[in-house]
Amino acid sequence: MRKIAILLAVFLVFTCSLTLAQEDEERDILEVAMFGGLALPMGGITSWNDSIGLGASMGWDMGLEIGYFLTPNLVLGLNFTYYNIAIGNNTEPVLTPDAVNYGGPGVAFLNLVNNPNDLSHRFYNPSLYLKYYFFGESNLVPYLKGHIGIDNPKFTTKIRETPNPRYRSLSYDPVLGFGFGGGIFYYTSDYSGLFIDGNFHYSASKNTEKEYYDVTYKLDENIMYFDIRAGISVFFGTGE
């Protein structure tokens, strides 16, 4: 995360310097957006029954992005999105009152973390995006978008090789993630507006691992999901 923060700082300095250098040009320079929406898992992640054992169902996401207009229509930018995906399996807690190792210190805490239906899978995804706006005379502006970055999955996992088996969120190794989508932007003023879009995302997570208490846990599927989100964008520049 420290490297990501440094890259973001360098990017901001770079884009600000370009803004100053091109302040006389009659076009938008920067866009800043905030958004939120729904995340819909696809494929094997919805029915996992392996070492993880917890399939995913619908969740939600939120994030922000800042981009620089390379041309009047083409934007290159940085995006950060947080995903919180619900667990879809109707899975029983690891510990039950009949278990041999049930009870003792911390039982209230174990009761809290052992019910997978109260937990979730999470992603922390920084990425670069490229967006092309089809500007015209209308306030409605369609666009296409692609992105590539690093996905950081934090998955709720069955931990059985400890004195107290339980479910725990484990941070697996970062993996490559990429995708594409499109949407519609609507001007509500000369410099801002609302948008809605849909994006397909692919995470190359198969065989990524996490070692915990000398036991290696592994994700056995590549992760795919589709998100539908809405937000607000603000443009900085001349507004032309």
Protein backbone atom coordinates (compact mmCIF):
# COMPACT_ATOMS: atom_id res chain seq x y z
CA MET A 1 0.00 0.00 0.00
CA ARG A 2 2.95 2.35 0.61
CA LYS A 3 4.11 1.92 -2.98
CA ILE A 4 0.60 2.64 -4.21
CA ALA A 5 0.47 5.84 -2.13
CA ILE A 6 3.82 6.97 -3.62
CA LEU A 7 2.61 6.26 -7.15
CA LEU A 8 -0.59 8.18 -6.49
CA ALA A 9 1.37 11.18 -5.17
CA VAL A 10 3.64 11.16 -8.25
CA PHE A 11 0.61 10.92 -10.52
CA LEU A 12 -1.10 13.87 -8.80
CA VAL A 13 2.02 16.04 -9.08
CA PHE A 14 2.38 15.08 -12.73
CA THR A 15 -1.23 15.85 -13.62
CA CYS A 16 -1.22 19.13 -11.69
CA SER A 17 1.92 20.26 -13.54
CA LEU A 18 0.30 19.39 -16.86
CA THR A 19 -2.78 21.33 -15.84
CA LEU A 20 -0.69 24.46 -15.17
CA ALA A 21 1.27 23.99 -18.36
CA GLN A 22 -1.89 23.69 -20.45
CA GLU A 23 -4.12 26.20 -18.67
CA ASP A 24 -4.66 28.17 -21.88
CA GLU A 25 -6.11 25.18 -23.75
CA GLU A 26 -9.87 25.18 -24.17
CA ARG A 27 -10.62 21.72 -22.85
CA ASP A 28 -11.12 19.71 -19.68
CA ILE A 29 -7.94 18.69 -17.91
CA LEU A 30 -8.92 16.47 -14.97
CA GLU A 31 -11.88 14.39 -13.88
CA VAL A 32 -12.55 13.28 -10.31
CA ALA A 33 -15.28 10.74 -9.57
CA MET A 34 -16.85 9.00 -6.59
CA PHE A 35 -19.13 5.99 -6.97
CA GLY A 36 -20.86 3.05 -5.35
CA GLY A 37 -22.86 0.09 -6.55
CA LEU A 38 -23.56 -3.63 -6.66
CA ALA A 39 -21.05 -6.44 -7.27
CA LEU A 40 -22.32 -9.68 -8.83
CA PRO A 41 -19.88 -12.66 -8.59
CA MET A 42 -19.73 -15.07 -11.51
CA GLY A 43 -18.41 -18.58 -12.14
CA GLY A 44 -16.76 -20.87 -9.61
CA ILE A 45 -16.52 -18.27 -6.87
CA THR A 46 -20.27 -18.59 -6.32
CA SER A 47 -20.11 -22.31 -5.45
CA TRP A 48 -16.72 -22.95 -3.92
CA ASN A 49 -16.50 -26.09 -1.83
CA ASP A 50 -12.75 -26.56 -1.43
CA SER A 51 -10.16 -25.49 1.12
CA ILE A 52 -11.96 -22.15 1.31
CA GLY A 53 -15.38 -23.73 1.29
CA LEU A 54 -17.36 -20.50 1.12
CA GLY A 55 -19.08 -19.40 -2.07
CA ALA A 56 -19.88 -15.74 -2.78
CA SER A 57 -23.16 -14.02 -3.52
CA MET A 58 -24.11 -10.43 -4.33
CA GLY A 59 -22.18 -7.64 -2.61
CA TRP A 60 -21.44 -3.96 -2.88
CA ASP A 61 -18.56 -1.71 -3.84
CA MET A 62 -17.43 1.89 -3.49
CA GLY A 63 -14.49 3.88 -4.74
CA LEU A 64 -12.97 6.93 -6.31
CA GLU A 65 -10.88 7.81 -9.33
CA ILE A 66 -8.92 10.69 -10.78
CA GLY A 67 -8.03 10.96 -14.44
CA TYR A 68 -6.17 13.19 -16.88
CA PHE A 69 -7.53 14.03 -20.34
CA LEU A 70 -4.85 12.93 -22.81
CA THR A 71 -7.08 14.28 -25.57
CA PRO A 72 -10.48 16.02 -25.43
CA ASN A 73 -12.09 12.55 -25.39
CA LEU A 74 -9.53 10.14 -23.90
CA VAL A 75 -8.80 9.90 -20.16
CA LEU A 76 -6.00 8.04 -18.36
CA GLY A 77 -6.41 7.73 -14.61
CA LEU A 78 -6.07 5.96 -11.28
CA ASN A 79 -8.91 4.06 -9.65
CA PHE A 80 -9.33 2.52 -6.21
CA THR A 81 -12.31 0.27 -5.52
CA TYR A 82 -13.29 -1.56 -2.34
CA TYR A 83 -15.53 -4.62 -2.71
CA ASN A 84 -17.48 -6.35 0.06
CA ILE A 85 -18.97 -9.63 -1.17
CA ALA A 86 -21.50 -11.57 0.89
CA ILE A 87 -21.03 -15.29 1.54
CA GLY A 88 -23.71 -17.29 -0.25
CA ASN A 89 -23.34 -20.73 1.31
CA ASN A 90 -25.71 -21.66 4.09
CA THR A 91 -22.72 -22.96 6.05
CA GLU A 92 -22.86 -24.01 9.69
CA PRO A 93 -20.37 -22.57 12.20
CA VAL A 94 -17.15 -24.55 12.65
CA LEU A 95 -17.71 -24.84 16.39
CA THR A 96 -20.95 -26.01 17.95
CA PRO A 97 -21.92 -26.52 21.60
CA ASP A 98 -21.33 -30.27 21.11
CA ALA A 99 -17.74 -29.84 19.90
CA VAL A 100 -14.98 -31.20 22.10
CA ASN A 101 -13.02 -27.95 22.06
CA TYR A 102 -16.03 -25.68 22.52
CA GLY A 103 -15.92 -23.39 25.55
CA GLY A 104 -13.15 -21.85 27.60
CA PRO A 105 -11.68 -18.36 27.36
CA GLY A 106 -12.76 -16.34 24.36
CA VAL A 107 -15.85 -18.44 23.59
CA ALA A 108 -17.95 -15.31 23.05
CA PHE A 109 -15.45 -14.07 20.46
CA LEU A 110 -15.36 -17.48 18.75
CA ASN A 111 -19.14 -17.50 18.56
CA LEU A 112 -18.97 -14.13 16.81
CA VAL A 113 -16.39 -15.08 14.17
CA ASN A 114 -17.46 -18.67 13.55
CA ASN A 115 -20.70 -17.94 11.74
CA PRO A 116 -19.73 -17.46 8.07
CA ASN A 117 -23.12 -15.99 7.21
CA ASP A 118 -22.16 -12.92 9.27
CA LEU A 119 -18.83 -12.52 7.43
CA SER A 120 -17.80 -11.52 3.91
CA HIS A 121 -15.12 -11.68 1.23
CA ARG A 122 -13.33 -8.42 0.46
CA PHE A 123 -11.15 -6.92 -2.26
CA TYR A 124 -8.94 -3.84 -2.27
CA ASN A 125 -8.25 -3.03 -5.92
CA PRO A 126 -6.03 -0.17 -7.18
CA SER A 127 -5.83 0.08 -10.96
CA LEU A 128 -5.11 2.22 -14.00
CA TYR A 129 -8.03 2.97 -16.31
CA LEU A 130 -8.46 4.27 -19.82
CA LYS A 131 -11.81 5.87 -20.72
CA TYR A 132 -13.10 7.22 -24.02
CA TYR A 133 -16.01 9.70 -24.04
CA PHE A 134 -18.22 10.10 -27.11
CA PHE A 135 -18.94 13.80 -26.61
CA GLY A 136 -21.57 15.43 -28.81
CA GLU A 137 -24.29 18.04 -28.62
CA SER A 138 -26.35 16.11 -26.07
CA ASN A 139 -25.98 16.22 -22.29
CA LEU A 140 -25.97 12.41 -22.40
CA VAL A 141 -22.46 11.14 -23.14
CA PRO A 142 -21.74 7.41 -23.61
CA TYR A 143 -18.27 6.08 -22.86
CA LEU A 144 -16.16 2.92 -22.99
CA LYS A 145 -13.64 1.98 -20.33
CA GLY A 146 -10.88 -0.55 -19.63
CA HIS A 147 -8.79 -1.11 -16.51
CA ILE A 148 -5.81 -3.11 -15.25
CA GLY A 149 -4.30 -3.27 -11.77
CA ILE A 150 -3.52 -5.26 -8.66
CA ASP A 151 -6.24 -7.10 -6.73
CA ASN A 152 -5.78 -7.73 -3.01
CA PRO A 153 -8.25 -10.45 -1.95
CA LYS A 154 -9.10 -10.84 1.73
CA PHE A 155 -11.18 -14.01 1.90
CA THR A 156 -13.03 -15.59 4.78
CA THR A 157 -11.38 -18.99 5.16
CA LYS A 158 -11.92 -22.13 7.24
CA ILE A 159 -9.10 -22.38 9.78
CA ARG A 160 -9.05 -25.94 11.13
CA GLU A 161 -5.41 -26.58 12.00
CA THR A 162 -5.52 -24.66 15.30
CA PRO A 163 -6.73 -25.51 18.82
CA ASN A 164 -9.92 -23.54 18.10
CA PRO A 165 -11.16 -24.06 14.51
CA ARG A 166 -12.85 -20.97 13.17
CA TYR A 167 -13.47 -18.73 10.17
CA ARG A 168 -10.98 -15.94 9.61
CA SER A 169 -10.37 -13.28 6.96
CA LEU A 170 -6.99 -14.00 5.37
CA SER A 171 -5.12 -11.59 3.10
CA TYR A 172 -3.98 -13.63 0.10
CA ASP A 173 -1.12 -12.64 -2.20
CA PRO A 174 -1.88 -9.75 -4.60
CA VAL A 175 -2.81 -10.82 -8.13
CA LEU A 176 -3.33 -9.24 -11.54
CA GLY A 177 -6.83 -7.93 -12.23
CA PHE A 178 -8.30 -6.40 -15.38
CA GLY A 179 -11.58 -5.74 -17.09
CA PHE A 180 -13.71 -3.56 -19.35
CA GLY A 181 -17.09 -1.88 -19.45
CA GLY A 182 -19.10 1.11 -20.50
CA GLY A 183 -21.65 3.61 -19.31
CA ILE A 184 -23.45 6.89 -19.73
CA PHE A 185 -22.56 10.27 -18.24
CA TYR A 186 -25.18 13.02 -17.86
CA TYR A 187 -24.21 16.69 -17.47
CA THR A 188 -26.04 18.37 -14.60
CA SER A 189 -23.87 21.50 -14.94
CA ASP A 190 -21.04 22.75 -17.15
CA TYR A 191 -18.43 21.05 -14.99
CA SER A 192 -20.09 18.04 -13.37
CA GLY A 193 -22.67 15.33 -13.76
CA LEU A 194 -23.93 11.88 -12.87
CA PHE A 195 -23.01 8.56 -14.41
CA ILE A 196 -23.98 4.90 -14.38
CA ASP A 197 -21.93 2.07 -15.82
CA GLY A 198 -21.34 -1.66 -15.87
CA ASN A 199 -17.96 -3.41 -15.75
CA PHE A 200 -16.73 -6.98 -16.07
CA HIS A 201 -13.71 -7.82 -13.90
CA TYR A 202 -11.34 -10.80 -14.04
CA SER A 203 -8.91 -11.56 -11.23
CA ALA A 204 -6.11 -14.08 -11.94
CA SER A 205 -6.38 -15.51 -8.43
CA LYS A 206 -6.06 -19.24 -9.16
CA ASN A 207 -3.33 -20.80 -7.00
CA THR A 208 -2.66 -17.62 -5.04
CA GLU A 209 -1.76 -18.56 -1.47
CA LYS A 210 -1.68 -17.50 2.14
CA GLU A 211 0.35 -19.19 4.87
CA TYR A 212 -1.26 -19.11 8.30
CA TYR A 213 0.06 -21.02 11.34
CA ASP A 214 2.36 -23.03 9.04
CA VAL A 215 -0.58 -24.12 6.88
CA THR A 216 -0.85 -22.94 3.27
CA TYR A 217 -4.33 -22.02 2.07
CA LYS A 218 -4.91 -21.60 -1.66
CA LEU A 219 -7.57 -20.07 -3.88
CA ASP A 220 -8.52 -22.70 -6.46
CA GLU A 221 -10.44 -20.48 -8.88
CA ASN A 222 -9.94 -17.36 -10.93
CA ILE A 223 -12.38 -14.76 -9.66
CA MET A 224 -14.87 -13.03 -11.94
CA TYR A 225 -17.60 -10.55 -11.19
CA PHE A 226 -19.74 -7.87 -12.82
CA ASP A 227 -20.44 -4.58 -11.12
CA ILE A 228 -23.15 -2.00 -11.72
CA ARG A 229 -22.42 1.35 -10.16
CA ALA A 230 -23.45 5.00 -10.17
CA GLY A 231 -21.68 8.15 -9.09
CA ILE A 232 -20.76 11.75 -9.66
CA SER A 233 -17.94 13.17 -11.78
CA VAL A 234 -16.45 16.66 -11.63
CA PHE A 235 -14.32 18.10 -14.44
CA PHE A 236 -11.51 20.60 -13.90
CA GLY A 237 -10.27 22.84 -16.71
CA THR A 238 -11.92 25.31 -19.02
CA GLY A 239 -15.13 23.29 -19.36
CA GLU A 240 -14.96 23.16 -23.13
